[in-house]
Amino acid sequence: MEKQKAEGVTRKLVGFRMIDRGIPRHGYKIAAADGEEIGHVTSGTMSPCLKVGFGLGYVKPEYAKPGTEVAVVIREKSLRAEVVKIPFV
């Protein structure tokens, strides 16, 4: 704990909402706009009410701010997503 306090954390848990059509699933990669891998999805699904995919994932701290655009790699395609505040509702 002291090491984390002194050096800072290496990843943060964030919520995200898909901009492009797609369903995020556990283990999918999260990437920055330039294609650099910045994290991974811990859980995700499709909202039947909102008709949009959403999920949780760990990312590098510099990408954890709400409104940041990231990409979720689904079947080797980068689909756009946006970091949002959690809880989702």
Protein backbone atom coordinates (compact mmCIF):
# COMPACT_ATOMS: atom_id res chain seq x y z
CA MET A 1 0.00 0.00 0.00
CA GLU A 2 2.84 2.38 0.80
CA LYS A 3 4.42 1.67 -2.59
CA GLN A 4 1.13 2.47 -4.37
CA LYS A 5 0.72 5.65 -2.34
CA ALA A 6 4.25 6.77 -3.20
CA GLU A 7 4.31 5.74 -6.87
CA GLY A 8 0.63 5.93 -7.78
CA VAL A 9 -1.60 3.27 -9.32
CA THR A 10 -0.91 1.64 -12.69
CA ARG A 11 -4.55 1.11 -13.67
CA LYS A 12 -8.05 2.33 -12.77
CA LEU A 13 -11.47 0.72 -13.04
CA VAL A 14 -13.74 2.71 -15.39
CA GLY A 15 -17.17 2.38 -16.89
CA PHE A 16 -17.59 2.82 -20.63
CA ARG A 17 -20.41 3.09 -23.14
CA MET A 18 -20.03 1.91 -26.72
CA ILE A 19 -20.34 4.59 -29.41
CA ASP A 20 -20.08 2.11 -32.29
CA ARG A 21 -22.36 -0.89 -32.41
CA GLY A 22 -20.85 -3.82 -30.51
CA ILE A 23 -21.07 -5.84 -27.32
CA PRO A 24 -17.98 -5.74 -25.08
CA ARG A 25 -17.08 -9.00 -23.32
CA HIS A 26 -14.68 -10.08 -20.56
CA GLY A 27 -11.07 -10.18 -21.76
CA TYR A 28 -11.42 -7.88 -24.79
CA LYS A 29 -8.63 -5.33 -25.17
CA ILE A 30 -9.16 -1.60 -24.60
CA ALA A 31 -7.02 0.63 -26.80
CA ALA A 32 -6.23 4.33 -27.16
CA ALA A 33 -7.05 6.24 -30.34
CA ASP A 34 -3.56 5.49 -31.71
CA GLY A 35 -4.07 1.74 -31.24
CA GLU A 36 -1.90 1.34 -28.13
CA GLU A 37 -3.31 -1.26 -25.74
CA ILE A 38 -4.24 0.54 -22.51
CA GLY A 39 -6.27 -2.07 -20.64
CA HIS A 40 -8.88 -4.80 -20.77
CA VAL A 41 -12.61 -5.33 -20.26
CA THR A 42 -13.59 -7.00 -16.98
CA SER A 43 -17.31 -7.28 -17.81
CA GLY A 44 -19.70 -6.04 -20.46
CA THR A 45 -23.09 -6.57 -22.03
CA MET A 46 -25.85 -5.00 -24.10
CA SER A 47 -28.44 -2.82 -22.38
CA PRO A 48 -31.87 -3.99 -23.56
CA CYS A 49 -33.45 -0.65 -22.58
CA LEU A 50 -30.83 1.71 -23.99
CA LYS A 51 -29.89 -0.54 -26.97
CA VAL A 52 -26.19 0.17 -26.39
CA GLY A 53 -23.23 -1.89 -25.18
CA PHE A 54 -21.59 -0.92 -21.91
CA GLY A 55 -19.09 -2.38 -19.49
CA LEU A 56 -16.31 -2.04 -16.96
CA GLY A 57 -12.60 -2.30 -17.52
CA TYR A 58 -9.16 -1.44 -16.22
CA VAL A 59 -7.24 1.27 -18.08
CA LYS A 60 -4.13 3.37 -17.55
CA PRO A 61 -4.90 6.31 -15.21
CA GLU A 62 -4.46 8.96 -17.93
CA TYR A 63 -7.44 7.46 -19.84
CA ALA A 64 -9.79 7.22 -16.82
CA LYS A 65 -11.41 10.67 -17.10
CA PRO A 66 -15.12 10.60 -18.08
CA GLY A 67 -15.60 11.70 -21.68
CA THR A 68 -12.33 10.17 -22.89
CA GLU A 69 -12.75 8.27 -26.14
CA VAL A 70 -11.19 4.80 -26.22
CA ALA A 71 -11.62 1.73 -28.41
CA VAL A 72 -12.71 -1.79 -27.53
CA VAL A 73 -11.15 -4.42 -29.80
CA ILE A 74 -13.92 -6.84 -30.81
CA ARG A 75 -12.98 -9.58 -33.29
CA GLU A 76 -9.87 -7.65 -34.36
CA LYS A 77 -11.89 -4.47 -35.07
CA SER A 78 -11.46 -1.32 -32.98
CA LEU A 79 -14.90 -0.01 -32.04
CA ARG A 80 -15.24 3.40 -30.43
CA ALA A 81 -16.35 3.75 -26.81
CA GLU A 82 -16.52 6.57 -24.27
CA VAL A 83 -15.46 6.47 -20.61
CA VAL A 84 -18.44 7.33 -18.37
CA LYS A 85 -19.04 7.79 -14.65
CA ILE A 86 -20.11 4.75 -12.65
CA PRO A 87 -22.67 3.78 -11.52
CA PHE A 88 -24.25 3.97 -14.98
CA VAL A 89 -27.69 5.06 -13.76
